[in-house]
Amino acid sequence: MKTFYSNKEILITGGTGTLGKEITKQLIKNYPDVKGIRIYSRDEEKHRLFSEELKSINATVPVAFLVGDIRDRTRLDRALNGVDIVFHTAAMKQIPHCEFNPIETVRTNVEGSVNVIDCSINNCIEKVILISTDKACYPVNLYGCTKATAEKLFIHANVYSTLTKFSVCRYGNVLGSRGSIIPVIREQYAKDKTILITDERMTRFWIFIDTVAKFIIDRMQWMTGGEIFIPDMLAFPLLNFIELFIPKHDVTIKHIGVRAGEKLHECLITEEESLYSMNVSWGTLIDQKRQTRGVPFKMSSDSTKNWEEEKLIAELKRRNMI
């Protein structure tokens, strides 16, 4: 791993987001011989805040803050000049905003991903990895549809270049990301001791931000092009999860109904994809070049065999989150 990242120039789209920041900090900490990291994001205020944060940890790896949008092909092409590998994390992610701003969502998540692909090929980038979501499986909202499209674009972009390799990382809800459930429920509880829940039957996959960042960094080294990488994740009922943080005897649960574009349960692997999947030490690999011809299955968050409540509770306690 240290040999792979040695003297590499890295660009992270959406680099001022929660995941982009965590990837940056882990690279700085664990791979000090990285040549440089370029943070590519359109929000100048987030650039300022993150640059101040890096100063406080005395980062020795050169970090460049490039203001730019993945929609802007010319700017992106210039930013990628001299880069070796790309982590593509930039996207519109909030489901309600995506539903009510559909054209903007397509322009960012789909057309922006096309720009990343084209500019990476033009600049002879070595490896590019797309960050995706469980909502890309059997999508029912626009966000999921755009990410499913982006996945297809990345997997099949490998036919356009023998030099640049494209792969995908797919996972579920992140604990510790901006807008994640823990600060939301604590804020609601502090306001009037009322927690809003869409449906008590709802289940989700969960993973910690540092865990998924390390997973993505590791898979970048391993990828050969065309793979979808899925980490091991814990599934947990949403209501049970809320009860870990809020006293049952002192809270009112208000059901507001499933919102537009929401599912009761999420899926990480479809039955169709399962025919090309294999279990490995770090999770699941999907590779359409390797059909396993096994019995089809669906990896869904409502499967009780995935409910490992004790493991999740133990990890939350270890991190002093409960």
C-alpha atoms as a PDB file:
ATOM      1  CA  MET A   1       0.000   0.000   0.000  1.00  0.00           C
ATOM      2  CA  LYS A   2       2.715   2.501   0.929  1.00  0.00           C
ATOM      3  CA  THR A   3       4.516   1.677  -2.298  1.00  0.00           C
ATOM      4  CA  PHE A   4       1.375   2.304  -4.357  1.00  0.00           C
ATOM      5  CA  TYR A   5       0.738   5.788  -2.941  1.00  0.00           C
ATOM      6  CA  SER A   6       4.395   6.801  -2.971  1.00  0.00           C
ATOM      7  CA  ASN A   7       4.951   9.946  -5.085  1.00  0.00           C
ATOM      8  CA  LYS A   8       1.321   9.946  -6.307  1.00  0.00           C
ATOM      9  CA  GLU A   9      -0.519  13.169  -7.104  1.00  0.00           C
ATOM     10  CA  ILE A  10      -4.127  12.761  -5.943  1.00  0.00           C
ATOM     11  CA  LEU A  11      -7.273  14.745  -6.710  1.00  0.00           C
ATOM     12  CA  ILE A  12     -10.482  14.441  -4.687  1.00  0.00           C
ATOM     13  CA  THR A  13     -13.668  15.847  -6.208  1.00  0.00           C
ATOM     14  CA  GLY A  14     -15.997  17.119  -3.512  1.00  0.00           C
ATOM     15  CA  GLY A  15     -12.898  17.190  -1.347  1.00  0.00           C
ATOM     16  CA  THR A  16     -14.352  19.581   1.249  1.00  0.00           C
ATOM     17  CA  GLY A  17     -17.223  17.194   2.050  1.00  0.00           C
ATOM     18  CA  THR A  18     -17.166  14.851   5.035  1.00  0.00           C
ATOM     19  CA  LEU A  19     -15.790  11.879   3.089  1.00  0.00           C
ATOM     20  CA  GLY A  20     -13.320  13.916   1.064  1.00  0.00           C
ATOM     21  CA  LYS A  21     -11.915  15.451   4.236  1.00  0.00           C
ATOM     22  CA  GLU A  22     -11.600  12.074   5.954  1.00  0.00           C
ATOM     23  CA  ILE A  23      -9.829  10.540   2.932  1.00  0.00           C
ATOM     24  CA  THR A  24      -7.453  13.500   2.869  1.00  0.00           C
ATOM     25  CA  LYS A  25      -6.614  13.239   6.574  1.00  0.00           C
ATOM     26  CA  GLN A  26      -6.045   9.483   6.381  1.00  0.00           C
ATOM     27  CA  LEU A  27      -3.766   9.874   3.352  1.00  0.00           C
ATOM     28  CA  ILE A  28      -1.767  12.578   5.128  1.00  0.00           C
ATOM     29  CA  LYS A  29      -1.442  10.459   8.269  1.00  0.00           C
ATOM     30  CA  ASN A  30      -0.712   7.063   6.738  1.00  0.00           C
ATOM     31  CA  TYR A  31       1.033   7.912   3.450  1.00  0.00           C
ATOM     32  CA  PRO A  32       3.394  10.845   4.133  1.00  0.00           C
ATOM     33  CA  ASP A  33       5.308  10.204   0.896  1.00  0.00           C
ATOM     34  CA  VAL A  34       2.283  11.124  -1.237  1.00  0.00           C
ATOM     35  CA  LYS A  35       3.431  13.733  -3.755  1.00  0.00           C
ATOM     36  CA  GLY A  36       0.403  15.995  -3.243  1.00  0.00           C
ATOM     37  CA  ILE A  37      -3.358  16.166  -2.751  1.00  0.00           C
ATOM     38  CA  ARG A  38      -5.663  18.463  -4.696  1.00  0.00           C
ATOM     39  CA  ILE A  39      -8.980  19.335  -3.066  1.00  0.00           C
ATOM     40  CA  TYR A  40     -11.481  20.139  -5.818  1.00  0.00           C
ATOM     41  CA  SER A  41     -14.735  21.722  -4.639  1.00  0.00           C
ATOM     42  CA  ARG A  42     -17.005  24.617  -5.575  1.00  0.00           C
ATOM     43  CA  ASP A  43     -17.513  26.027  -2.048  1.00  0.00           C
ATOM     44  CA  GLU A  44     -14.770  28.548  -1.217  1.00  0.00           C
ATOM     45  CA  GLU A  45     -15.838  28.880   2.422  1.00  0.00           C
ATOM     46  CA  LYS A  46     -15.430  25.130   2.956  1.00  0.00           C
ATOM     47  CA  HIS A  47     -12.006  25.399   1.349  1.00  0.00           C
ATOM     48  CA  ARG A  48     -11.059  28.050   3.901  1.00  0.00           C
ATOM     49  CA  LEU A  49     -12.356  26.047   6.852  1.00  0.00           C
ATOM     50  CA  PHE A  50     -10.655  22.838   5.762  1.00  0.00           C
ATOM     51  CA  SER A  51      -7.342  24.582   5.096  1.00  0.00           C
ATOM     52  CA  GLU A  52      -7.457  25.947   8.651  1.00  0.00           C
ATOM     53  CA  GLU A  53      -8.246  22.474   9.972  1.00  0.00           C
ATOM     54  CA  LEU A  54      -5.230  21.003   8.183  1.00  0.00           C
ATOM     55  CA  LYS A  55      -2.976  23.716   9.585  1.00  0.00           C
ATOM     56  CA  SER A  56      -3.991  22.658  13.083  1.00  0.00           C
ATOM     57  CA  ILE A  57      -2.790  19.080  12.504  1.00  0.00           C
ATOM     58  CA  ASN A  58       0.523  20.195  10.966  1.00  0.00           C
ATOM     59  CA  ALA A  59       0.000  18.347   7.684  1.00  0.00           C
ATOM     60  CA  THR A  60       3.296  17.790   5.852  1.00  0.00           C
ATOM     61  CA  VAL A  61       1.835  16.533   2.559  1.00  0.00           C
ATOM     62  CA  PRO A  62       1.300  19.429   0.102  1.00  0.00           C
ATOM     63  CA  VAL A  63      -2.443  20.149  -0.225  1.00  0.00           C
ATOM     64  CA  ALA A  64      -3.796  22.443  -2.958  1.00  0.00           C
ATOM     65  CA  PHE A  65      -7.296  23.908  -2.715  1.00  0.00           C
ATOM     66  CA  LEU A  66      -8.849  24.237  -6.168  1.00  0.00           C
ATOM     67  CA  VAL A  67     -12.190  26.009  -6.461  1.00  0.00           C
ATOM     68  CA  GLY A  68     -14.143  24.355  -9.253  1.00  0.00           C
ATOM     69  CA  ASP A  69     -17.265  22.450 -10.245  1.00  0.00           C
ATOM     70  CA  ILE A  70     -17.331  19.028 -11.902  1.00  0.00           C
ATOM     71  CA  ARG A  71     -19.889  20.532 -14.304  1.00  0.00           C
ATOM     72  CA  ASP A  72     -17.138  22.818 -15.608  1.00  0.00           C
ATOM     73  CA  ARG A  73     -15.255  20.558 -17.986  1.00  0.00           C
ATOM     74  CA  THR A  74     -12.569  23.108 -18.850  1.00  0.00           C
ATOM     75  CA  ARG A  75     -11.720  23.807 -15.207  1.00  0.00           C
ATOM     76  CA  LEU A  76     -11.795  20.109 -14.314  1.00  0.00           C
ATOM     77  CA  ASP A  77      -9.504  19.247 -17.211  1.00  0.00           C
ATOM     78  CA  ARG A  78      -6.975  21.830 -16.050  1.00  0.00           C
ATOM     79  CA  ALA A  79      -7.213  20.636 -12.434  1.00  0.00           C
ATOM     80  CA  LEU A  80      -6.472  17.040 -13.468  1.00  0.00           C
ATOM     81  CA  ASN A  81      -3.291  17.896 -15.330  1.00  0.00           C
ATOM     82  CA  GLY A  82      -0.446  15.965 -13.699  1.00  0.00           C
ATOM     83  CA  VAL A  83      -2.721  13.882 -11.445  1.00  0.00           C
ATOM     84  CA  ASP A  84      -2.213  10.121 -10.983  1.00  0.00           C
ATOM     85  CA  ILE A  85      -5.379   8.977  -9.165  1.00  0.00           C
ATOM     86  CA  VAL A  86      -8.847  10.443  -8.534  1.00  0.00           C
ATOM     87  CA  PHE A  87     -11.396   9.879  -5.778  1.00  0.00           C
ATOM     88  CA  HIS A  88     -14.731  11.067  -7.217  1.00  0.00           C
ATOM     89  CA  THR A  89     -16.894  11.926  -4.186  1.00  0.00           C
ATOM     90  CA  ALA A  90     -18.681  15.040  -5.518  1.00  0.00           C
ATOM     91  CA  ALA A  91     -22.455  14.696  -5.900  1.00  0.00           C
ATOM     92  CA  MET A  92     -25.831  16.103  -4.965  1.00  0.00           C
ATOM     93  CA  LYS A  93     -26.935  13.710  -2.220  1.00  0.00           C
ATOM     94  CA  GLN A  94     -29.926  15.083  -0.305  1.00  0.00           C
ATOM     95  CA  ILE A  95     -32.971  13.150  -1.552  1.00  0.00           C
ATOM     96  CA  PRO A  96     -35.598  15.922  -1.112  1.00  0.00           C
ATOM     97  CA  HIS A  97     -33.386  18.489  -2.855  1.00  0.00           C
ATOM     98  CA  CYS A  98     -32.669  16.053  -5.673  1.00  0.00           C
ATOM     99  CA  GLU A  99     -36.381  15.341  -6.127  1.00  0.00           C
ATOM    100  CA  PHE A 100     -37.248  19.032  -6.440  1.00  0.00           C
ATOM    101  CA  ASN A 101     -34.162  20.027  -8.441  1.00  0.00           C
ATOM    102  CA  PRO A 102     -34.031  17.172 -10.958  1.00  0.00           C
ATOM    103  CA  ILE A 103     -32.182  18.905 -13.781  1.00  0.00           C
ATOM    104  CA  GLU A 104     -29.499  20.224 -11.416  1.00  0.00           C
ATOM    105  CA  THR A 105     -29.108  16.737  -9.961  1.00  0.00           C
ATOM    106  CA  VAL A 106     -28.621  15.173 -13.400  1.00  0.00           C
ATOM    107  CA  ARG A 107     -26.145  17.864 -14.408  1.00  0.00           C
ATOM    108  CA  THR A 108     -24.038  17.217 -11.311  1.00  0.00           C
ATOM    109  CA  ASN A 109     -24.336  13.471 -10.722  1.00  0.00           C
ATOM    110  CA  VAL A 110     -24.527  12.273 -14.326  1.00  0.00           C
ATOM    111  CA  GLU A 111     -23.028  14.928 -16.586  1.00  0.00           C
ATOM    112  CA  GLY A 112     -20.437  15.761 -13.926  1.00  0.00           C
ATOM    113  CA  SER A 113     -19.408  12.103 -13.793  1.00  0.00           C
ATOM    114  CA  VAL A 114     -19.089  12.045 -17.586  1.00  0.00           C
ATOM    115  CA  ASN A 115     -16.759  15.038 -17.290  1.00  0.00           C
ATOM    116  CA  VAL A 116     -14.671  13.211 -14.693  1.00  0.00           C
ATOM    117  CA  ILE A 117     -14.412  10.205 -17.028  1.00  0.00           C
ATOM    118  CA  ASP A 118     -13.530  12.193 -20.151  1.00  0.00           C
ATOM    119  CA  CYS A 119     -11.054  14.492 -18.425  1.00  0.00           C
ATOM    120  CA  SER A 120      -9.400  11.549 -16.657  1.00  0.00           C
ATOM    121  CA  ILE A 121      -8.869   9.747 -19.949  1.00  0.00           C
ATOM    122  CA  ASN A 122      -7.580  12.933 -21.595  1.00  0.00           C
ATOM    123  CA  ASN A 123      -5.069  13.434 -18.774  1.00  0.00           C
ATOM    124  CA  CYS A 124      -3.958   9.775 -18.700  1.00  0.00           C
ATOM    125  CA  ILE A 125      -5.025   9.301 -15.068  1.00  0.00           C
ATOM    126  CA  GLU A 126      -4.008   5.910 -13.699  1.00  0.00           C
ATOM    127  CA  LYS A 127      -7.061   5.043 -11.553  1.00  0.00           C
ATOM    128  CA  VAL A 128     -10.416   6.681 -10.809  1.00  0.00           C
ATOM    129  CA  ILE A 129     -12.920   5.448  -8.241  1.00  0.00           C
ATOM    130  CA  LEU A 130     -16.556   6.584  -7.970  1.00  0.00           C
ATOM    131  CA  ILE A 131     -18.245   6.831  -4.584  1.00  0.00           C
ATOM    132  CA  SER A 132     -21.773   5.432  -4.861  1.00  0.00           C
ATOM    133  CA  THR A 133     -24.655   4.486  -2.566  1.00  0.00           C
ATOM    134  CA  ASP A 134     -27.037   1.654  -1.724  1.00  0.00           C
ATOM    135  CA  LYS A 135     -29.775   3.849  -3.216  1.00  0.00           C
ATOM    136  CA  ALA A 136     -28.366   2.998  -6.656  1.00  0.00           C
ATOM    137  CA  CYS A 137     -29.803  -0.533  -6.207  1.00  0.00           C
ATOM    138  CA  TYR A 138     -33.413  -0.762  -7.403  1.00  0.00           C
ATOM    139  CA  PRO A 139     -33.613   3.071  -7.335  1.00  0.00           C
ATOM    140  CA  VAL A 140     -36.941   4.708  -6.483  1.00  0.00           C
ATOM    141  CA  ASN A 141     -35.735   8.312  -6.249  1.00  0.00           C
ATOM    142  CA  LEU A 142     -33.850  10.606  -8.597  1.00  0.00           C
ATOM    143  CA  TYR A 143     -30.716  10.523  -6.482  1.00  0.00           C
ATOM    144  CA  GLY A 144     -30.614   6.735  -6.713  1.00  0.00           C
ATOM    145  CA  CYS A 145     -31.285   6.848 -10.462  1.00  0.00           C
ATOM    146  CA  THR A 146     -28.441   9.281 -11.075  1.00  0.00           C
ATOM    147  CA  LYS A 147     -26.014   7.264  -8.973  1.00  0.00           C
ATOM    148  CA  ALA A 148     -27.057   4.040 -10.716  1.00  0.00           C
ATOM    149  CA  THR A 149     -26.357   5.789 -14.015  1.00  0.00           C
ATOM    150  CA  ALA A 150     -23.014   7.067 -12.749  1.00  0.00           C
ATOM    151  CA  GLU A 151     -22.082   3.513 -11.713  1.00  0.00           C
ATOM    152  CA  LYS A 152     -22.848   2.206 -15.196  1.00  0.00           C
ATOM    153  CA  LEU A 153     -20.884   5.051 -16.768  1.00  0.00           C
ATOM    154  CA  PHE A 154     -17.833   4.268 -14.636  1.00  0.00           C
ATOM    155  CA  ILE A 155     -17.923   0.506 -15.058  1.00  0.00           C
ATOM    156  CA  HIS A 156     -18.265   0.720 -18.828  1.00  0.00           C
ATOM    157  CA  ALA A 157     -15.871   3.663 -19.205  1.00  0.00           C
ATOM    158  CA  ASN A 158     -13.110   1.059 -19.129  1.00  0.00           C
ATOM    159  CA  VAL A 159     -13.852   0.245 -22.790  1.00  0.00           C
ATOM    160  CA  TYR A 160     -12.733   3.758 -23.772  1.00  0.00           C
ATOM    161  CA  SER A 161      -9.230   3.532 -22.321  1.00  0.00           C
ATOM    162  CA  THR A 162      -6.621   0.853 -21.740  1.00  0.00           C
ATOM    163  CA  LEU A 163      -4.574   3.199 -19.535  1.00  0.00           C
ATOM    164  CA  THR A 164      -7.167   4.760 -17.198  1.00  0.00           C
ATOM    165  CA  LYS A 165      -9.039   2.308 -14.956  1.00  0.00           C
ATOM    166  CA  PHE A 166     -12.474   3.029 -13.456  1.00  0.00           C
ATOM    167  CA  SER A 167     -14.190   1.286 -10.530  1.00  0.00           C
ATOM    168  CA  VAL A 168     -16.932   1.939  -7.944  1.00  0.00           C
ATOM    169  CA  CYS A 169     -17.308   1.827  -4.157  1.00  0.00           C
ATOM    170  CA  ARG A 170     -20.890   1.378  -2.927  1.00  0.00           C
ATOM    171  CA  TYR A 171     -22.106   1.555   0.683  1.00  0.00           C
ATOM    172  CA  GLY A 172     -25.012   2.695   2.888  1.00  0.00           C
ATOM    173  CA  ASN A 173     -25.610   5.316   5.597  1.00  0.00           C
ATOM    174  CA  VAL A 174     -22.507   6.869   7.128  1.00  0.00           C
ATOM    175  CA  LEU A 175     -22.300   7.606  10.844  1.00  0.00           C
ATOM    176  CA  GLY A 176     -20.362  10.807  11.326  1.00  0.00           C
ATOM    177  CA  SER A 177     -21.117  12.440   7.991  1.00  0.00           C
ATOM    178  CA  ARG A 178     -22.772  15.830   7.568  1.00  0.00           C
ATOM    179  CA  GLY A 179     -26.516  15.495   8.156  1.00  0.00           C
ATOM    180  CA  SER A 180     -26.200  11.952   9.539  1.00  0.00           C
ATOM    181  CA  ILE A 181     -28.840  10.618  11.891  1.00  0.00           C
ATOM    182  CA  ILE A 182     -27.102  11.011  15.273  1.00  0.00           C
ATOM    183  CA  PRO A 183     -26.877  14.836  15.365  1.00  0.00           C
ATOM    184  CA  VAL A 184     -30.348  15.090  13.787  1.00  0.00           C
ATOM    185  CA  ILE A 185     -32.130  13.052  16.458  1.00  0.00           C
ATOM    186  CA  ARG A 186     -30.205  14.752  19.258  1.00  0.00           C
ATOM    187  CA  GLU A 187     -31.172  18.157  17.881  1.00  0.00           C
ATOM    188  CA  GLN A 188     -34.828  17.137  17.643  1.00  0.00           C
ATOM    189  CA  TYR A 189     -34.770  15.762  21.185  1.00  0.00           C
ATOM    190  CA  ALA A 190     -33.123  18.891  22.591  1.00  0.00           C
ATOM    191  CA  LYS A 191     -35.781  21.073  20.949  1.00  0.00           C
ATOM    192  CA  ASP A 192     -38.978  19.516  22.332  1.00  0.00           C
ATOM    193  CA  LYS A 193     -38.223  15.854  23.169  1.00  0.00           C
ATOM    194  CA  THR A 194     -40.031  14.788  20.002  1.00  0.00           C
ATOM    195  CA  ILE A 195     -38.373  12.573  17.381  1.00  0.00           C
ATOM    196  CA  LEU A 196     -39.762  12.528  13.857  1.00  0.00           C
ATOM    197  CA  ILE A 197     -39.697   9.102  12.244  1.00  0.00           C
ATOM    198  CA  THR A 198     -41.049   8.233   8.822  1.00  0.00           C
ATOM    199  CA  ASP A 199     -41.926   4.579   9.493  1.00  0.00           C
ATOM    200  CA  GLU A 200     -41.006   2.374  12.463  1.00  0.00           C
ATOM    201  CA  ARG A 201     -40.440  -0.592  10.121  1.00  0.00           C
ATOM    202  CA  MET A 202     -37.612   1.206   8.307  1.00  0.00           C
ATOM    203  CA  THR A 203     -34.157  -0.412   8.293  1.00  0.00           C
ATOM    204  CA  ARG A 204     -30.797   0.852   7.056  1.00  0.00           C
ATOM    205  CA  PHE A 205     -27.178  -0.186   6.549  1.00  0.00           C
ATOM    206  CA  TRP A 206     -24.653   1.641   8.750  1.00  0.00           C
ATOM    207  CA  ILE A 207     -20.913   2.301   8.553  1.00  0.00           C
ATOM    208  CA  PHE A 208     -18.520   4.755  10.244  1.00  0.00           C
ATOM    209  CA  ILE A 209     -16.881   7.539   8.248  1.00  0.00           C
ATOM    210  CA  ASP A 210     -13.295   6.568   9.106  1.00  0.00           C
ATOM    211  CA  THR A 211     -14.019   2.919   8.277  1.00  0.00           C
ATOM    212  CA  VAL A 212     -15.417   3.667   4.836  1.00  0.00           C
ATOM    213  CA  ALA A 213     -12.636   6.158   4.032  1.00  0.00           C
ATOM    214  CA  LYS A 214      -9.997   3.515   4.802  1.00  0.00           C
ATOM    215  CA  PHE A 215     -11.970   0.994   2.738  1.00  0.00           C
ATOM    216  CA  ILE A 216     -11.962   3.323  -0.284  1.00  0.00           C
ATOM    217  CA  ILE A 217      -8.253   4.113   0.070  1.00  0.00           C
ATOM    218  CA  ASP A 218      -7.443   0.391   0.239  1.00  0.00           C
ATOM    219  CA  ARG A 219      -9.630  -0.505  -2.734  1.00  0.00           C
ATOM    220  CA  MET A 220      -7.973   2.145  -4.902  1.00  0.00           C
ATOM    221  CA  GLN A 221      -4.734   0.193  -4.612  1.00  0.00           C
ATOM    222  CA  TRP A 222      -6.461  -3.123  -5.335  1.00  0.00           C
ATOM    223  CA  MET A 223      -8.716  -2.153  -8.273  1.00  0.00           C
ATOM    224  CA  THR A 224      -7.992  -3.253 -11.834  1.00  0.00           C
ATOM    225  CA  GLY A 225     -11.027  -1.635 -13.486  1.00  0.00           C
ATOM    226  CA  GLY A 226     -14.705  -2.557 -13.713  1.00  0.00           C
ATOM    227  CA  GLU A 227     -15.278  -3.669 -10.111  1.00  0.00           C
ATOM    228  CA  ILE A 228     -17.934  -2.607  -7.620  1.00  0.00           C
ATOM    229  CA  PHE A 229     -16.575  -2.816  -4.072  1.00  0.00           C
ATOM    230  CA  ILE A 230     -18.969  -3.177  -1.127  1.00  0.00           C
ATOM    231  CA  PRO A 231     -17.703  -3.147   2.476  1.00  0.00           C
ATOM    232  CA  ASP A 232     -19.137  -5.287   5.252  1.00  0.00           C
ATOM    233  CA  MET A 233     -21.903  -3.224   6.849  1.00  0.00           C
ATOM    234  CA  LEU A 234     -24.222  -3.623   9.806  1.00  0.00           C
ATOM    235  CA  ALA A 235     -27.983  -3.437   9.223  1.00  0.00           C
ATOM    236  CA  PHE A 236     -30.194  -2.105  11.963  1.00  0.00           C
ATOM    237  CA  PRO A 237     -33.863  -1.040  12.381  1.00  0.00           C
ATOM    238  CA  LEU A 238     -34.116   2.749  12.439  1.00  0.00           C
ATOM    239  CA  LEU A 239     -36.351   2.856  15.520  1.00  0.00           C
ATOM    240  CA  ASN A 240     -33.996   0.603  17.498  1.00  0.00           C
ATOM    241  CA  PHE A 241     -31.127   2.823  16.471  1.00  0.00           C
ATOM    242  CA  ILE A 242     -32.864   5.971  17.728  1.00  0.00           C
ATOM    243  CA  GLU A 243     -33.554   4.304  21.075  1.00  0.00           C
ATOM    244  CA  LEU A 244     -29.809   3.866  21.609  1.00  0.00           C
ATOM    245  CA  PHE A 245     -29.392   7.628  21.925  1.00  0.00           C
ATOM    246  CA  ILE A 246     -32.676   8.853  23.404  1.00  0.00           C
ATOM    247  CA  PRO A 247     -34.311   7.670  26.672  1.00  0.00           C
ATOM    248  CA  LYS A 248     -37.445   5.694  25.825  1.00  0.00           C
ATOM    249  CA  HIS A 249     -39.371   6.995  28.837  1.00  0.00           C
ATOM    250  CA  ASP A 250     -38.728  10.634  28.038  1.00  0.00           C
ATOM    251  CA  VAL A 251     -39.410  11.029  24.335  1.00  0.00           C
ATOM    252  CA  THR A 252     -42.371  11.291  21.962  1.00  0.00           C
ATOM    253  CA  ILE A 253     -42.089   9.448  18.654  1.00  0.00           C
ATOM    254  CA  LYS A 254     -44.036  11.174  15.890  1.00  0.00           C
ATOM    255  CA  HIS A 255     -44.671   9.247  12.685  1.00  0.00           C
ATOM    256  CA  ILE A 256     -44.683  11.486   9.600  1.00  0.00           C
ATOM    257  CA  GLY A 257     -44.915   8.821   6.887  1.00  0.00           C
ATOM    258  CA  VAL A 258     -42.441   7.769   4.228  1.00  0.00           C
ATOM    259  CA  ARG A 259     -41.254  10.801   2.252  1.00  0.00           C
ATOM    260  CA  ALA A 260     -41.163  11.041  -1.525  1.00  0.00           C
ATOM    261  CA  GLY A 261     -38.297   8.933  -2.829  1.00  0.00           C
ATOM    262  CA  GLU A 262     -37.726   6.963   0.391  1.00  0.00           C
ATOM    263  CA  LYS A 263     -37.631   3.189   0.770  1.00  0.00           C
ATOM    264  CA  LEU A 264     -38.565   1.167   3.829  1.00  0.00           C
ATOM    265  CA  HIS A 265     -35.457  -0.968   3.314  1.00  0.00           C
ATOM    266  CA  GLU A 266     -32.251  -0.443   1.371  1.00  0.00           C
ATOM    267  CA  CYS A 267     -30.418  -2.889  -0.889  1.00  0.00           C
ATOM    268  CA  LEU A 268     -26.662  -3.218  -1.388  1.00  0.00           C
ATOM    269  CA  ILE A 269     -26.639  -6.062  -3.916  1.00  0.00           C
ATOM    270  CA  THR A 270     -29.444  -6.869  -6.355  1.00  0.00           C
ATOM    271  CA  GLU A 271     -30.365 -10.411  -7.332  1.00  0.00           C
ATOM    272  CA  GLU A 272     -29.073  -9.734 -10.830  1.00  0.00           C
ATOM    273  CA  GLU A 273     -25.707  -8.514  -9.518  1.00  0.00           C
ATOM    274  CA  SER A 274     -25.376 -11.393  -7.085  1.00  0.00           C
ATOM    275  CA  LEU A 275     -24.577 -13.727  -9.985  1.00  0.00           C
ATOM    276  CA  TYR A 276     -21.346 -11.786 -10.455  1.00  0.00           C
ATOM    277  CA  SER A 277     -20.490 -11.349  -6.783  1.00  0.00           C
ATOM    278  CA  MET A 278     -18.049 -13.045  -4.457  1.00  0.00           C
ATOM    279  CA  ASN A 279     -17.375 -12.733  -0.739  1.00  0.00           C
ATOM    280  CA  VAL A 280     -13.890 -11.586   0.172  1.00  0.00           C
ATOM    281  CA  SER A 281     -12.169 -10.718   3.448  1.00  0.00           C
ATOM    282  CA  TRP A 282     -13.161  -7.035   3.304  1.00  0.00           C
ATOM    283  CA  GLY A 283     -16.735  -7.402   1.999  1.00  0.00           C
ATOM    284  CA  THR A 284     -18.204  -8.212  -1.413  1.00  0.00           C
ATOM    285  CA  LEU A 285     -16.785  -7.819  -4.906  1.00  0.00           C
ATOM    286  CA  ILE A 286     -19.065  -7.468  -7.929  1.00  0.00           C
ATOM    287  CA  ASP A 287     -17.316  -7.973 -11.257  1.00  0.00           C
ATOM    288  CA  GLN A 288     -19.302  -8.629 -14.420  1.00  0.00           C
ATOM    289  CA  LYS A 289     -16.206 -10.245 -15.947  1.00  0.00           C
ATOM    290  CA  ARG A 290     -16.509 -13.074 -13.398  1.00  0.00           C
ATOM    291  CA  GLN A 291     -19.892 -14.792 -13.313  1.00  0.00           C
ATOM    292  CA  THR A 292     -20.170 -17.118 -10.327  1.00  0.00           C
ATOM    293  CA  ARG A 293     -23.444 -18.777 -11.479  1.00  0.00           C
ATOM    294  CA  GLY A 294     -24.560 -19.310  -7.900  1.00  0.00           C
ATOM    295  CA  VAL A 295     -28.054 -19.069  -6.433  1.00  0.00           C
ATOM    296  CA  PRO A 296     -29.339 -15.463  -6.825  1.00  0.00           C
ATOM    297  CA  PHE A 297     -29.749 -13.476  -3.620  1.00  0.00           C
ATOM    298  CA  LYS A 298     -30.485  -9.917  -2.559  1.00  0.00           C
ATOM    299  CA  MET A 299     -28.545  -8.166   0.201  1.00  0.00           C
ATOM    300  CA  SER A 300     -31.206  -6.082   1.905  1.00  0.00           C
ATOM    301  CA  SER A 301     -31.226  -4.208   5.218  1.00  0.00           C
ATOM    302  CA  ASP A 302     -34.435  -5.955   6.334  1.00  0.00           C
ATOM    303  CA  SER A 303     -32.750  -9.358   6.342  1.00  0.00           C
ATOM    304  CA  THR A 304     -32.547 -10.387  10.004  1.00  0.00           C
ATOM    305  CA  LYS A 305     -29.294 -12.235   9.384  1.00  0.00           C
ATOM    306  CA  ASN A 306     -27.660  -8.826   8.888  1.00  0.00           C
ATOM    307  CA  TRP A 307     -28.965  -7.392  12.173  1.00  0.00           C
ATOM    308  CA  GLU A 308     -25.898  -7.444  14.363  1.00  0.00           C
ATOM    309  CA  GLU A 309     -27.108  -5.072  17.058  1.00  0.00           C
ATOM    310  CA  GLU A 310     -24.532  -6.112  19.659  1.00  0.00           C
ATOM    311  CA  LYS A 311     -21.630  -5.379  17.302  1.00  0.00           C
ATOM    312  CA  LEU A 312     -22.974  -1.934  16.442  1.00  0.00           C
ATOM    313  CA  ILE A 313     -23.692  -1.068  20.092  1.00  0.00           C
ATOM    314  CA  ALA A 314     -20.215  -2.218  21.121  1.00  0.00           C
ATOM    315  CA  GLU A 315     -18.591  -0.070  18.429  1.00  0.00           C
ATOM    316  CA  LEU A 316     -20.677   2.983  19.342  1.00  0.00           C
ATOM    317  CA  LYS A 317     -19.606   2.574  22.969  1.00  0.00           C
ATOM    318  CA  ARG A 318     -15.975   2.189  21.975  1.00  0.00           C
ATOM    319  CA  ARG A 319     -16.202   5.490  20.143  1.00  0.00           C
ATOM    320  CA  ASN A 320     -17.997   7.153  23.083  1.00  0.00           C
ATOM    321  CA  MET A 321     -21.010   7.877  20.875  1.00  0.00           C
ATOM    322  CA  ILE A 322     -23.491   6.373  23.332  1.00  0.00           C
END
